[in-house]
């Protein structure tokens, strides 16, 4: 079970931490706040870049995308 996710300089998340409780958790927020990035980051950590999409989806903050 994933209980905590922390991002440093990952797309929209400069320094973000998310804590999850046991059971069902929901992720909500306004548009363009990083909800999908959170899910793609978890996929990337668990399954690698191919599961999270193309490399443009996993670029870090401030990177040129190369």
N, C-alpha and C. Protein backbone atom coordinates (compact mmCIF):
# COMPACT_ATOMS: atom_id res chain seq x y z
N UNK A 1 0.84 -1.18 0.00
CA UNK A 1 0.00 0.00 0.00
C UNK A 1 0.89 1.24 0.00
N UNK A 2 0.55 2.20 -0.82
CA UNK A 2 1.28 3.48 -0.86
C UNK A 2 0.70 4.37 0.23
N UNK A 3 1.55 4.84 1.11
CA UNK A 3 1.10 5.71 2.20
C UNK A 3 1.57 7.15 2.05
N UNK A 4 2.60 7.36 1.22
CA UNK A 4 3.17 8.70 1.07
C UNK A 4 3.85 8.83 -0.28
N UNK A 5 3.67 9.99 -0.91
CA UNK A 5 4.36 10.31 -2.16
C UNK A 5 4.94 11.70 -2.01
N UNK A 6 6.20 11.85 -2.40
CA UNK A 6 6.84 13.16 -2.32
C UNK A 6 7.50 13.46 -3.66
N UNK A 7 7.25 14.66 -4.17
CA UNK A 7 7.84 15.12 -5.42
C UNK A 7 8.75 16.31 -5.14
N UNK A 8 9.90 16.31 -5.77
CA UNK A 8 10.80 17.46 -5.74
C UNK A 8 11.12 17.80 -7.19
N UNK A 9 10.72 19.00 -7.62
CA UNK A 9 10.97 19.48 -8.98
C UNK A 9 10.45 18.52 -10.05
N UNK A 10 9.25 18.06 -9.86
CA UNK A 10 8.59 17.18 -10.83
C UNK A 10 7.39 17.91 -11.42
N UNK A 11 7.56 18.38 -12.67
CA UNK A 11 6.52 19.13 -13.36
C UNK A 11 5.98 20.25 -12.48
N UNK A 12 4.71 20.26 -12.18
CA UNK A 12 4.07 21.33 -11.43
C UNK A 12 4.45 21.32 -9.94
N UNK A 13 4.98 20.23 -9.46
CA UNK A 13 5.25 20.05 -8.03
C UNK A 13 6.71 20.39 -7.70
N UNK A 14 6.92 21.59 -7.21
CA UNK A 14 8.28 22.01 -6.84
C UNK A 14 8.77 21.25 -5.61
N UNK A 15 7.93 21.17 -4.61
CA UNK A 15 8.22 20.42 -3.38
C UNK A 15 6.87 20.06 -2.76
N UNK A 16 6.34 18.89 -3.10
CA UNK A 16 5.00 18.49 -2.67
C UNK A 16 5.04 17.13 -1.99
N UNK A 17 4.22 16.98 -0.97
CA UNK A 17 4.10 15.70 -0.27
C UNK A 17 2.62 15.37 -0.13
N UNK A 18 2.28 14.11 -0.40
CA UNK A 18 0.91 13.64 -0.31
C UNK A 18 0.89 12.42 0.61
N UNK A 19 0.03 12.46 1.61
CA UNK A 19 -0.13 11.35 2.55
C UNK A 19 -1.48 10.69 2.30
N UNK A 20 -1.48 9.37 2.27
CA UNK A 20 -2.70 8.62 2.02
C UNK A 20 -3.01 7.74 3.22
N UNK A 21 -4.30 7.57 3.49
CA UNK A 21 -4.73 6.69 4.57
C UNK A 21 -5.10 5.33 4.00
N UNK A 22 -5.33 4.36 4.87
CA UNK A 22 -5.76 3.05 4.41
C UNK A 22 -7.13 3.13 3.76
N UNK A 23 -7.44 2.24 2.86
CA UNK A 23 -8.73 2.26 2.19
C UNK A 23 -8.74 3.15 0.98
N UNK A 24 -9.89 3.70 0.68
CA UNK A 24 -10.08 4.51 -0.51
C UNK A 24 -9.71 5.97 -0.25
N UNK A 25 -8.93 6.56 -1.12
CA UNK A 25 -8.55 7.97 -1.06
C UNK A 25 -9.02 8.64 -2.34
N UNK A 26 -9.37 9.91 -2.26
CA UNK A 26 -9.74 10.64 -3.47
C UNK A 26 -8.78 11.81 -3.67
N UNK A 27 -8.61 12.18 -4.92
CA UNK A 27 -7.76 13.31 -5.29
C UNK A 27 -8.66 14.30 -6.00
N UNK A 28 -8.78 15.49 -5.45
CA UNK A 28 -9.65 16.49 -6.06
C UNK A 28 -8.98 17.85 -6.03
N UNK A 29 -9.42 18.72 -6.90
CA UNK A 29 -8.89 20.08 -6.95
C UNK A 29 -9.30 20.74 -8.25
N UNK A 30 -9.00 22.02 -8.33
CA UNK A 30 -9.33 22.79 -9.53
C UNK A 30 -8.48 22.32 -10.71
N UNK A 31 -8.85 22.75 -11.90
CA UNK A 31 -8.09 22.41 -13.10
C UNK A 31 -6.65 22.92 -12.99
N UNK A 32 -5.73 22.19 -13.60
CA UNK A 32 -4.31 22.57 -13.69
C UNK A 32 -3.63 22.70 -12.34
N UNK A 33 -4.00 21.85 -11.38
CA UNK A 33 -3.38 21.90 -10.07
C UNK A 33 -2.43 20.73 -9.81
N UNK A 34 -2.33 19.79 -10.75
CA UNK A 34 -1.37 18.70 -10.63
C UNK A 34 -1.93 17.34 -10.26
N UNK A 35 -3.23 17.16 -10.37
CA UNK A 35 -3.84 15.87 -10.02
C UNK A 35 -3.34 14.75 -10.94
N UNK A 36 -3.37 14.99 -12.23
CA UNK A 36 -2.90 13.99 -13.19
C UNK A 36 -1.40 13.76 -13.05
N UNK A 37 -0.67 14.82 -12.78
CA UNK A 37 0.78 14.69 -12.57
C UNK A 37 1.07 13.80 -11.37
N UNK A 38 0.28 13.91 -10.32
CA UNK A 38 0.44 13.03 -9.16
C UNK A 38 0.26 11.57 -9.57
N UNK A 39 -0.78 11.28 -10.32
CA UNK A 39 -1.03 9.91 -10.74
C UNK A 39 0.05 9.39 -11.69
N UNK A 40 0.49 10.24 -12.62
CA UNK A 40 1.55 9.84 -13.55
C UNK A 40 2.88 9.65 -12.81
N UNK A 41 3.13 10.44 -11.79
CA UNK A 41 4.34 10.27 -11.00
C UNK A 41 4.36 8.94 -10.27
N UNK A 42 3.22 8.55 -9.73
CA UNK A 42 3.12 7.25 -9.06
C UNK A 42 3.33 6.13 -10.08
N UNK A 43 2.70 6.24 -11.25
CA UNK A 43 2.92 5.24 -12.30
C UNK A 43 4.38 5.15 -12.70
N UNK A 44 5.02 6.31 -12.85
CA UNK A 44 6.43 6.35 -13.23
C UNK A 44 7.29 5.65 -12.17
N UNK A 45 7.02 5.93 -10.89
CA UNK A 45 7.80 5.34 -9.81
C UNK A 45 7.61 3.82 -9.74
N UNK A 46 6.40 3.36 -9.98
CA UNK A 46 6.11 1.93 -9.86
C UNK A 46 6.47 1.12 -11.10
N UNK A 47 6.22 1.70 -12.28
CA UNK A 47 6.31 0.91 -13.51
C UNK A 47 7.28 1.44 -14.55
N UNK A 48 7.85 2.62 -14.34
CA UNK A 48 8.80 3.18 -15.28
C UNK A 48 8.17 4.14 -16.28
N UNK A 49 9.01 4.72 -17.10
CA UNK A 49 8.60 5.77 -18.02
C UNK A 49 7.56 5.31 -19.04
N UNK A 50 7.65 4.09 -19.50
CA UNK A 50 6.71 3.64 -20.53
C UNK A 50 5.28 3.60 -20.01
N UNK A 51 5.09 3.37 -18.72
CA UNK A 51 3.74 3.34 -18.15
C UNK A 51 3.18 4.74 -17.95
N UNK A 52 4.06 5.72 -17.78
CA UNK A 52 3.62 7.09 -17.51
C UNK A 52 3.42 7.89 -18.78
N UNK A 53 3.77 7.35 -19.92
CA UNK A 53 3.61 8.07 -21.18
C UNK A 53 4.95 8.47 -21.74
N UNK A 54 4.94 9.36 -22.71
CA UNK A 54 6.18 9.78 -23.34
C UNK A 54 7.02 10.60 -22.37
N UNK A 55 8.28 10.81 -22.73
CA UNK A 55 9.17 11.52 -21.82
C UNK A 55 8.76 12.97 -21.59
N UNK A 56 7.97 13.55 -22.48
CA UNK A 56 7.51 14.91 -22.25
C UNK A 56 6.58 14.98 -21.05
N UNK A 57 5.94 13.88 -20.71
CA UNK A 57 5.05 13.85 -19.55
C UNK A 57 5.80 13.72 -18.24
N UNK A 58 7.09 13.37 -18.29
CA UNK A 58 7.83 13.18 -17.04
C UNK A 58 8.96 14.18 -16.88
N UNK A 59 8.94 15.24 -17.67
CA UNK A 59 9.99 16.26 -17.55
C UNK A 59 9.91 16.93 -16.18
N UNK A 60 11.06 17.24 -15.63
CA UNK A 60 11.09 17.91 -14.34
C UNK A 60 10.97 19.41 -14.52
N UNK A 61 10.62 20.09 -13.43
CA UNK A 61 10.51 21.55 -13.47
C UNK A 61 11.84 22.16 -13.89
N UNK A 62 11.78 23.10 -14.79
CA UNK A 62 12.98 23.81 -15.20
C UNK A 62 13.83 23.09 -16.22
N UNK A 63 13.43 21.89 -16.61
CA UNK A 63 14.23 21.16 -17.60
C UNK A 63 13.86 21.63 -19.00
N UNK A 64 14.75 21.42 -19.91
CA UNK A 64 14.50 21.82 -21.30
C UNK A 64 13.70 20.76 -22.05
N UNK A 65 13.46 19.60 -21.40
CA UNK A 65 12.72 18.52 -22.05
C UNK A 65 13.61 17.60 -22.86
N UNK A 66 14.94 17.82 -22.81
CA UNK A 66 15.88 16.97 -23.55
C UNK A 66 16.12 15.67 -22.83
